[in-house]
C-alpha cells in the first residue's frame, strides 16, 4: 500500500491536526459512498496510507463512532454502519428540524460571496446529474454534502452547527443517486435552486420550508427502495471492490 502525505490525502489545510484530517477524510468518503456499508476500516493500514501514526487514526475512528458512522466489533475493528429503516427515519426527521432552522437563520445574514459559492456548487452538481460511473456518483455526493455544509455554516450559530455535525448521518445517499438515476438527482438539485432563491430574497420561512422538504424527500427516497432493509452482503448497493483501498476492505 502506497503511503501518501496526510494533507494530500485529506486536502486538509495547514495547522489541522492529524486526527481532524483523518476524521474529515473518512467522513467524506463514507458519506459519499466511496467506503460502503459494512466495510471494515483497518487502523494500521489506514495509518500507513495516510502517513500518520495510529493515535490520530484511532481518534478519527472514535469520532466517527460518536457520529454514528462506524461501530466497533471485537477482533474486527471499526465497521461502517448499516442503518435500519427506523434509524434512517429518525435521523432524517432530526436533520430536517435542525437544518431547516439553519437555513432560516442563514437567510437573514447570508452574504453575496456565500450565495455565489452555492450557485457554483449547483452548477457543478449539474455536471454529474446524468453520471453512470461510480466516480461521478461519488463526486456528486461530495458536492451535495458541501452545499449543505455551506448553508449550515452561513447560519452563524456555532452551537447549531456543532449539533448538526453531531447528528449521525446515513451513508446511503450515493446509492439513491445511483439507483434512481438522473431523475432523483435532477429533483435534488432543483431543490437546491429553490433554496438558493429563498436565500437570495432573505425569506427565512421559505428557506426553512424548502430545506425541510428537501431533506425529508431524501429520507423518502432512501426508504423507498423495496420496503426491506438491506441484507447481509448488500453493502448498501455497492460492489465489494468499491470498499478496497485506503485502509478498509469489505471482508
C-alpha atoms as a PDB file:
ATOM      1  CA  UNK A   1       0.000   0.000   0.000  1.00  0.00           C
ATOM      2  CA  UNK A   2       1.497   3.297  -1.057  1.00  0.00           C
ATOM      3  CA  UNK A   3       1.936   5.930   1.632  1.00  0.00           C
ATOM      4  CA  UNK A   4       0.673   9.442   0.931  1.00  0.00           C
ATOM      5  CA  UNK A   5       1.029  12.695   2.838  1.00  0.00           C
ATOM      6  CA  UNK A   6      -1.848  13.477   5.161  1.00  0.00           C
ATOM      7  CA  UNK A   7      -2.689  16.865   3.703  1.00  0.00           C
ATOM      8  CA  UNK A   8      -2.585  15.402   0.197  1.00  0.00           C
ATOM      9  CA  UNK A   9      -4.942  12.537   1.053  1.00  0.00           C
ATOM     10  CA  UNK A  10      -7.344  14.596   3.118  1.00  0.00           C
ATOM     11  CA  UNK A  11      -6.985  18.011   1.451  1.00  0.00           C
ATOM     12  CA  UNK A  12      -6.505  19.405   4.960  1.00  0.00           C
ATOM     13  CA  UNK A  13      -5.204  22.960   5.379  1.00  0.00           C
ATOM     14  CA  UNK A  14      -2.031  23.709   7.283  1.00  0.00           C
ATOM     15  CA  UNK A  15      -2.482  23.649  11.042  1.00  0.00           C
ATOM     16  CA  UNK A  16      -5.179  20.960  11.069  1.00  0.00           C
ATOM     17  CA  UNK A  17      -4.336  18.046  13.366  1.00  0.00           C
ATOM     18  CA  UNK A  18      -3.809  14.557  12.002  1.00  0.00           C
ATOM     19  CA  UNK A  19      -6.863  13.302  13.860  1.00  0.00           C
ATOM     20  CA  UNK A  20      -9.075  16.042  12.427  1.00  0.00           C
ATOM     21  CA  UNK A  21      -7.731  15.487   8.914  1.00  0.00           C
ATOM     22  CA  UNK A  22      -8.251  11.722   9.111  1.00  0.00           C
ATOM     23  CA  UNK A  23     -11.769  12.209  10.508  1.00  0.00           C
ATOM     24  CA  UNK A  24     -12.829  14.558   7.707  1.00  0.00           C
ATOM     25  CA  UNK A  25     -11.215  12.318   5.088  1.00  0.00           C
ATOM     26  CA  UNK A  26     -13.050   9.215   6.294  1.00  0.00           C
ATOM     27  CA  UNK A  27     -16.305  11.044   6.982  1.00  0.00           C
ATOM     28  CA  UNK A  28     -16.371  12.467   3.459  1.00  0.00           C
ATOM     29  CA  UNK A  29     -15.665   9.101   1.839  1.00  0.00           C
ATOM     30  CA  UNK A  30     -18.248   7.258   3.944  1.00  0.00           C
ATOM     31  CA  UNK A  31     -20.984   9.788   3.236  1.00  0.00           C
ATOM     32  CA  UNK A  32     -20.178   9.880  -0.480  1.00  0.00           C
ATOM     33  CA  UNK A  33     -20.368   6.089  -0.667  1.00  0.00           C
ATOM     34  CA  UNK A  34     -16.716   5.530  -1.569  1.00  0.00           C
ATOM     35  CA  UNK A  35     -16.468   3.461   1.606  1.00  0.00           C
ATOM     36  CA  UNK A  36     -19.636   1.319   1.624  1.00  0.00           C
ATOM     37  CA  UNK A  37     -21.731  -0.004   4.479  1.00  0.00           C
ATOM     38  CA  UNK A  38     -20.143  -2.958   6.300  1.00  0.00           C
ATOM     39  CA  UNK A  39     -16.659  -2.101   5.064  1.00  0.00           C
ATOM     40  CA  UNK A  40     -14.027  -2.810   7.722  1.00  0.00           C
ATOM     41  CA  UNK A  41     -11.568   0.025   8.376  1.00  0.00           C
ATOM     42  CA  UNK A  42      -8.127  -1.291   9.324  1.00  0.00           C
ATOM     43  CA  UNK A  43      -6.409   1.077  11.726  1.00  0.00           C
ATOM     44  CA  UNK A  44      -2.822   0.157  10.890  1.00  0.00           C
ATOM     45  CA  UNK A  45      -3.371   0.048   7.127  1.00  0.00           C
ATOM     46  CA  UNK A  46      -5.121   3.409   7.167  1.00  0.00           C
ATOM     47  CA  UNK A  47      -2.335   4.968   9.243  1.00  0.00           C
ATOM     48  CA  UNK A  48       0.230   3.774   6.706  1.00  0.00           C
ATOM     49  CA  UNK A  49      -1.868   5.016   3.790  1.00  0.00           C
ATOM     50  CA  UNK A  50      -2.235   8.498   5.282  1.00  0.00           C
ATOM     51  CA  UNK A  51       1.302   8.731   6.595  1.00  0.00           C
ATOM     52  CA  UNK A  52       0.090   9.033  10.201  1.00  0.00           C
ATOM     53  CA  UNK A  53       0.724   7.266  13.468  1.00  0.00           C
ATOM     54  CA  UNK A  54      -2.069   5.062  14.812  1.00  0.00           C
ATOM     55  CA  UNK A  55      -3.015   7.584  17.525  1.00  0.00           C
ATOM     56  CA  UNK A  56      -4.695  10.199  15.267  1.00  0.00           C
ATOM     57  CA  UNK A  57      -6.333   7.422  13.238  1.00  0.00           C
ATOM     58  CA  UNK A  58      -7.722   5.951  16.456  1.00  0.00           C
ATOM     59  CA  UNK A  59      -9.012   9.417  17.400  1.00  0.00           C
ATOM     60  CA  UNK A  60     -10.697   9.760  13.991  1.00  0.00           C
ATOM     61  CA  UNK A  61     -12.386   6.365  14.333  1.00  0.00           C
ATOM     62  CA  UNK A  62     -13.619   7.280  17.812  1.00  0.00           C
ATOM     63  CA  UNK A  63     -15.200  10.460  16.450  1.00  0.00           C
ATOM     64  CA  UNK A  64     -16.770   8.534  13.582  1.00  0.00           C
ATOM     65  CA  UNK A  65     -18.249   6.165  16.160  1.00  0.00           C
ATOM     66  CA  UNK A  66     -19.656   9.113  18.116  1.00  0.00           C
ATOM     67  CA  UNK A  67     -21.150  10.441  14.860  1.00  0.00           C
ATOM     68  CA  UNK A  68     -22.863   7.111  14.264  1.00  0.00           C
ATOM     69  CA  UNK A  69     -20.915   6.261  11.112  1.00  0.00           C
ATOM     70  CA  UNK A  70     -18.883   3.293  12.370  1.00  0.00           C
ATOM     71  CA  UNK A  71     -19.262   0.666  15.051  1.00  0.00           C
ATOM     72  CA  UNK A  72     -16.590  -1.324  16.844  1.00  0.00           C
ATOM     73  CA  UNK A  73     -16.649  -5.122  16.845  1.00  0.00           C
ATOM     74  CA  UNK A  74     -14.254  -7.268  18.930  1.00  0.00           C
ATOM     75  CA  UNK A  75     -11.468  -8.840  16.848  1.00  0.00           C
ATOM     76  CA  UNK A  76     -12.719  -6.996  13.756  1.00  0.00           C
ATOM     77  CA  UNK A  77     -12.214  -3.296  14.371  1.00  0.00           C
ATOM     78  CA  UNK A  78     -14.279  -0.437  13.007  1.00  0.00           C
ATOM     79  CA  UNK A  79     -17.059  -1.263  10.557  1.00  0.00           C
ATOM     80  CA  UNK A  80     -19.120   1.250   8.575  1.00  0.00           C
ATOM     81  CA  UNK A  81     -22.677   1.104   9.873  1.00  0.00           C
ATOM     82  CA  UNK A  82     -25.622  -0.337   8.000  1.00  0.00           C
ATOM     83  CA  UNK A  83     -28.724   1.581   9.050  1.00  0.00           C
ATOM     84  CA  UNK A  84     -32.201   0.220   9.740  1.00  0.00           C
ATOM     85  CA  UNK A  85     -35.294   1.901   8.346  1.00  0.00           C
ATOM     86  CA  UNK A  86     -36.089   3.271  11.807  1.00  0.00           C
ATOM     87  CA  UNK A  87     -32.640   4.837  12.116  1.00  0.00           C
ATOM     88  CA  UNK A  88     -32.956   6.396   8.674  1.00  0.00           C
ATOM     89  CA  UNK A  89     -36.369   7.835   9.500  1.00  0.00           C
ATOM     90  CA  UNK A  90     -35.341   9.209  12.888  1.00  0.00           C
ATOM     91  CA  UNK A  91     -32.088  10.690  11.595  1.00  0.00           C
ATOM     92  CA  UNK A  92     -33.716  12.487   8.699  1.00  0.00           C
ATOM     93  CA  UNK A  93     -36.553  13.865  10.816  1.00  0.00           C
ATOM     94  CA  UNK A  94     -33.966  15.318  13.208  1.00  0.00           C
ATOM     95  CA  UNK A  95     -31.867  16.639  10.336  1.00  0.00           C
ATOM     96  CA  UNK A  96     -34.974  18.219   8.840  1.00  0.00           C
ATOM     97  CA  UNK A  97     -35.660  20.074  12.083  1.00  0.00           C
ATOM     98  CA  UNK A  98     -32.087  21.253  12.598  1.00  0.00           C
ATOM     99  CA  UNK A  99     -31.057  22.061   9.037  1.00  0.00           C
ATOM    100  CA  UNK A 100     -34.300  23.886   8.279  1.00  0.00           C
ATOM    101  CA  UNK A 101     -33.575  26.069  11.306  1.00  0.00           C
ATOM    102  CA  UNK A 102     -30.056  26.674   9.997  1.00  0.00           C
ATOM    103  CA  UNK A 103     -31.422  27.618   6.569  1.00  0.00           C
ATOM    104  CA  UNK A 104     -33.818  30.113   8.132  1.00  0.00           C
ATOM    105  CA  UNK A 105     -31.025  31.746  10.095  1.00  0.00           C
ATOM    106  CA  UNK A 106     -28.809  31.788   7.011  1.00  0.00           C
ATOM    107  CA  UNK A 107     -31.490  33.620   5.021  1.00  0.00           C
ATOM    108  CA  UNK A 108     -31.254  36.573   7.385  1.00  0.00           C
ATOM    109  CA  UNK A 109     -27.499  37.016   7.207  1.00  0.00           C
ATOM    110  CA  UNK A 110     -26.062  35.306   4.124  1.00  0.00           C
ATOM    111  CA  UNK A 111     -23.702  37.426   2.008  1.00  0.00           C
ATOM    112  CA  UNK A 112     -23.107  37.667  -1.729  1.00  0.00           C
ATOM    113  CA  UNK A 113     -19.886  35.653  -1.596  1.00  0.00           C
ATOM    114  CA  UNK A 114     -21.640  32.704   0.036  1.00  0.00           C
ATOM    115  CA  UNK A 115     -24.573  32.955  -2.368  1.00  0.00           C
ATOM    116  CA  UNK A 116     -22.129  32.832  -5.271  1.00  0.00           C
ATOM    117  CA  UNK A 117     -20.458  29.756  -3.777  1.00  0.00           C
ATOM    118  CA  UNK A 118     -23.806  27.979  -3.504  1.00  0.00           C
ATOM    119  CA  UNK A 119     -24.624  28.887  -7.104  1.00  0.00           C
ATOM    120  CA  UNK A 120     -21.270  27.471  -8.237  1.00  0.00           C
ATOM    121  CA  UNK A 121     -21.930  24.225  -6.375  1.00  0.00           C
ATOM    122  CA  UNK A 122     -25.329  23.858  -8.039  1.00  0.00           C
ATOM    123  CA  UNK A 123     -23.755  24.294 -11.477  1.00  0.00           C
ATOM    124  CA  UNK A 124     -21.034  21.796 -10.562  1.00  0.00           C
ATOM    125  CA  UNK A 125     -23.668  19.245  -9.493  1.00  0.00           C
ATOM    126  CA  UNK A 126     -25.440  19.675 -12.830  1.00  0.00           C
ATOM    127  CA  UNK A 127     -22.382  18.140 -14.490  1.00  0.00           C
ATOM    128  CA  UNK A 128     -22.980  14.872 -12.615  1.00  0.00           C
ATOM    129  CA  UNK A 129     -26.773  14.600 -12.790  1.00  0.00           C
ATOM    130  CA  UNK A 130     -26.555  12.065 -15.615  1.00  0.00           C
ATOM    131  CA  UNK A 131     -23.412  10.279 -14.390  1.00  0.00           C
ATOM    132  CA  UNK A 132     -23.492   6.492 -14.537  1.00  0.00           C
ATOM    133  CA  UNK A 133     -19.993   5.765 -13.244  1.00  0.00           C
ATOM    134  CA  UNK A 134     -19.041   5.322  -9.591  1.00  0.00           C
ATOM    135  CA  UNK A 135     -16.634   8.267  -9.654  1.00  0.00           C
ATOM    136  CA  UNK A 136     -19.295  10.666 -10.910  1.00  0.00           C
ATOM    137  CA  UNK A 137     -21.847   9.496  -8.360  1.00  0.00           C
ATOM    138  CA  UNK A 138     -19.305   9.837  -5.552  1.00  0.00           C
ATOM    139  CA  UNK A 139     -18.343  13.334  -6.716  1.00  0.00           C
ATOM    140  CA  UNK A 140     -21.995  14.347  -6.753  1.00  0.00           C
ATOM    141  CA  UNK A 141     -22.287  13.125  -3.165  1.00  0.00           C
ATOM    142  CA  UNK A 142     -19.303  15.245  -2.148  1.00  0.00           C
ATOM    143  CA  UNK A 143     -20.707  18.366  -3.804  1.00  0.00           C
ATOM    144  CA  UNK A 144     -24.103  17.776  -2.217  1.00  0.00           C
ATOM    145  CA  UNK A 145     -22.515  17.468   1.226  1.00  0.00           C
ATOM    146  CA  UNK A 146     -20.517  20.660   0.653  1.00  0.00           C
ATOM    147  CA  UNK A 147     -23.664  22.555  -0.384  1.00  0.00           C
ATOM    148  CA  UNK A 148     -25.352  21.618   2.882  1.00  0.00           C
ATOM    149  CA  UNK A 149     -22.207  22.457   4.851  1.00  0.00           C
ATOM    150  CA  UNK A 150     -22.064  25.960   3.339  1.00  0.00           C
ATOM    151  CA  UNK A 151     -25.732  26.633   4.145  1.00  0.00           C
ATOM    152  CA  UNK A 152     -25.351  25.378   7.706  1.00  0.00           C
ATOM    153  CA  UNK A 153     -22.197  27.438   8.292  1.00  0.00           C
ATOM    154  CA  UNK A 154     -23.981  30.525   6.934  1.00  0.00           C
ATOM    155  CA  UNK A 155     -26.434  30.299   9.842  1.00  0.00           C
ATOM    156  CA  UNK A 156     -23.743  31.834  12.052  1.00  0.00           C
ATOM    157  CA  UNK A 157     -24.968  29.760  15.004  1.00  0.00           C
ATOM    158  CA  UNK A 158     -21.959  27.723  16.088  1.00  0.00           C
ATOM    159  CA  UNK A 159     -23.904  25.711  18.653  1.00  0.00           C
ATOM    160  CA  UNK A 160     -26.397  24.714  15.979  1.00  0.00           C
ATOM    161  CA  UNK A 161     -23.576  23.864  13.576  1.00  0.00           C
ATOM    162  CA  UNK A 162     -21.968  21.582  16.168  1.00  0.00           C
ATOM    163  CA  UNK A 163     -25.302  19.971  16.954  1.00  0.00           C
ATOM    164  CA  UNK A 164     -25.996  19.238  13.284  1.00  0.00           C
ATOM    165  CA  UNK A 165     -22.496  17.823  12.831  1.00  0.00           C
ATOM    166  CA  UNK A 166     -23.026  15.553  15.831  1.00  0.00           C
ATOM    167  CA  UNK A 167     -26.157  14.003  14.353  1.00  0.00           C
ATOM    168  CA  UNK A 168     -25.444  10.587  12.889  1.00  0.00           C
ATOM    169  CA  UNK A 169     -25.545  10.734   9.104  1.00  0.00           C
ATOM    170  CA  UNK A 170     -26.950   7.986   6.911  1.00  0.00           C
ATOM    171  CA  UNK A 171     -24.311   6.959   4.341  1.00  0.00           C
ATOM    172  CA  UNK A 172     -26.832   5.865   1.705  1.00  0.00           C
ATOM    173  CA  UNK A 173     -27.332   8.916  -0.496  1.00  0.00           C
ATOM    174  CA  UNK A 174     -24.827   7.712  -3.096  1.00  0.00           C
ATOM    175  CA  UNK A 175     -26.884   4.547  -3.535  1.00  0.00           C
ATOM    176  CA  UNK A 176     -30.042   6.612  -4.033  1.00  0.00           C
ATOM    177  CA  UNK A 177     -28.212   8.770  -6.587  1.00  0.00           C
ATOM    178  CA  UNK A 178     -27.109   5.561  -8.325  1.00  0.00           C
ATOM    179  CA  UNK A 179     -30.360   3.621  -8.074  1.00  0.00           C
ATOM    180  CA  UNK A 180     -32.807   6.353  -9.038  1.00  0.00           C
ATOM    181  CA  UNK A 181     -30.522   7.833 -11.670  1.00  0.00           C
ATOM    182  CA  UNK A 182     -30.854  11.229 -13.253  1.00  0.00           C
ATOM    183  CA  UNK A 183     -34.483  11.694 -12.208  1.00  0.00           C
ATOM    184  CA  UNK A 184     -33.800  11.860  -8.478  1.00  0.00           C
ATOM    185  CA  UNK A 185     -30.573  13.801  -8.961  1.00  0.00           C
ATOM    186  CA  UNK A 186     -32.366  16.417 -11.041  1.00  0.00           C
ATOM    187  CA  UNK A 187     -35.088  16.779  -8.396  1.00  0.00           C
ATOM    188  CA  UNK A 188     -32.477  17.095  -5.656  1.00  0.00           C
ATOM    189  CA  UNK A 189     -30.614  19.850  -7.474  1.00  0.00           C
ATOM    190  CA  UNK A 190     -33.905  21.597  -8.282  1.00  0.00           C
ATOM    191  CA  UNK A 191     -34.479  21.749  -4.511  1.00  0.00           C
ATOM    192  CA  UNK A 192     -31.041  23.328  -4.186  1.00  0.00           C
ATOM    193  CA  UNK A 193     -32.050  26.007  -6.681  1.00  0.00           C
ATOM    194  CA  UNK A 194     -35.278  26.685  -4.778  1.00  0.00           C
ATOM    195  CA  UNK A 195     -33.302  27.040  -1.564  1.00  0.00           C
ATOM    196  CA  UNK A 196     -30.843  29.406  -3.218  1.00  0.00           C
ATOM    197  CA  UNK A 197     -33.750  31.553  -4.433  1.00  0.00           C
ATOM    198  CA  UNK A 198     -35.123  31.726  -0.891  1.00  0.00           C
ATOM    199  CA  UNK A 199     -31.723  32.683   0.493  1.00  0.00           C
ATOM    200  CA  UNK A 200     -31.247  35.375  -2.146  1.00  0.00           C
ATOM    201  CA  UNK A 201     -34.529  37.014  -1.150  1.00  0.00           C
ATOM    202  CA  UNK A 202     -33.680  36.579   2.553  1.00  0.00           C
ATOM    203  CA  UNK A 203     -37.005  34.793   3.076  1.00  0.00           C
ATOM    204  CA  UNK A 204     -36.452  32.735   6.227  1.00  0.00           C
ATOM    205  CA  UNK A 205     -39.784  30.893   6.140  1.00  0.00           C
ATOM    206  CA  UNK A 206     -39.315  29.891   2.513  1.00  0.00           C
ATOM    207  CA  UNK A 207     -35.753  28.739   3.200  1.00  0.00           C
ATOM    208  CA  UNK A 208     -36.856  26.664   6.192  1.00  0.00           C
ATOM    209  CA  UNK A 209     -39.713  25.023   4.300  1.00  0.00           C
ATOM    210  CA  UNK A 210     -37.544  24.256   1.276  1.00  0.00           C
ATOM    211  CA  UNK A 211     -34.736  22.713   3.312  1.00  0.00           C
ATOM    212  CA  UNK A 212     -37.156  20.567   5.304  1.00  0.00           C
ATOM    213  CA  UNK A 213     -38.883  19.315   2.152  1.00  0.00           C
ATOM    214  CA  UNK A 214     -35.501  18.598   0.561  1.00  0.00           C
ATOM    215  CA  UNK A 215     -34.244  16.514   3.473  1.00  0.00           C
ATOM    216  CA  UNK A 216     -37.481  14.623   4.007  1.00  0.00           C
ATOM    217  CA  UNK A 217     -37.591  13.920   0.278  1.00  0.00           C
ATOM    218  CA  UNK A 218     -34.165  12.307   0.584  1.00  0.00           C
ATOM    219  CA  UNK A 219     -35.467  10.253   3.504  1.00  0.00           C
ATOM    220  CA  UNK A 220     -38.392   9.013   1.424  1.00  0.00           C
ATOM    221  CA  UNK A 221     -36.080   8.137  -1.456  1.00  0.00           C
ATOM    222  CA  UNK A 222     -33.833   6.086   0.823  1.00  0.00           C
ATOM    223  CA  UNK A 223     -36.741   4.241   2.436  1.00  0.00           C
ATOM    224  CA  UNK A 224     -38.447   3.630  -0.871  1.00  0.00           C
ATOM    225  CA  UNK A 225     -36.118   1.043  -2.392  1.00  0.00           C
ATOM    226  CA  UNK A 226     -38.184  -2.104  -1.736  1.00  0.00           C
ATOM    227  CA  UNK A 227     -39.632  -1.803   1.745  1.00  0.00           C
ATOM    228  CA  UNK A 228     -36.957  -4.076   3.182  1.00  0.00           C
ATOM    229  CA  UNK A 229     -33.726  -3.422   4.997  1.00  0.00           C
ATOM    230  CA  UNK A 230     -30.515  -4.167   3.104  1.00  0.00           C
ATOM    231  CA  UNK A 231     -29.496  -7.757   3.724  1.00  0.00           C
ATOM    232  CA  UNK A 232     -26.070  -9.147   4.636  1.00  0.00           C
ATOM    233  CA  UNK A 233     -23.599  -8.553   1.863  1.00  0.00           C
ATOM    234  CA  UNK A 234     -25.695  -5.919   0.134  1.00  0.00           C
ATOM    235  CA  UNK A 235     -23.222  -3.200   1.128  1.00  0.00           C
ATOM    236  CA  UNK A 236     -25.983  -0.641   0.623  1.00  0.00           C
ATOM    237  CA  UNK A 237     -25.869  -1.453  -3.078  1.00  0.00           C
ATOM    238  CA  UNK A 238     -22.116  -1.081  -3.583  1.00  0.00           C
ATOM    239  CA  UNK A 239     -19.886  -3.635  -5.243  1.00  0.00           C
ATOM    240  CA  UNK A 240     -17.458  -5.242  -2.820  1.00  0.00           C
ATOM    241  CA  UNK A 241     -14.407  -3.810  -4.586  1.00  0.00           C
ATOM    242  CA  UNK A 242     -15.714  -0.283  -4.010  1.00  0.00           C
ATOM    243  CA  UNK A 243     -14.600  -0.567  -0.412  1.00  0.00           C
ATOM    244  CA  UNK A 244     -10.999  -1.565  -1.016  1.00  0.00           C
ATOM    245  CA  UNK A 245      -8.004   0.672  -0.502  1.00  0.00           C
ATOM    246  CA  UNK A 246      -7.085   3.402   1.955  1.00  0.00           C
ATOM    247  CA  UNK A 247      -7.078   1.004   4.900  1.00  0.00           C
ATOM    248  CA  UNK A 248     -10.507  -0.551   4.523  1.00  0.00           C
ATOM    249  CA  UNK A 249     -11.995  -3.664   2.991  1.00  0.00           C
ATOM    250  CA  UNK A 250     -15.304  -5.452   2.799  1.00  0.00           C
ATOM    251  CA  UNK A 251     -14.403  -8.857   4.169  1.00  0.00           C
END
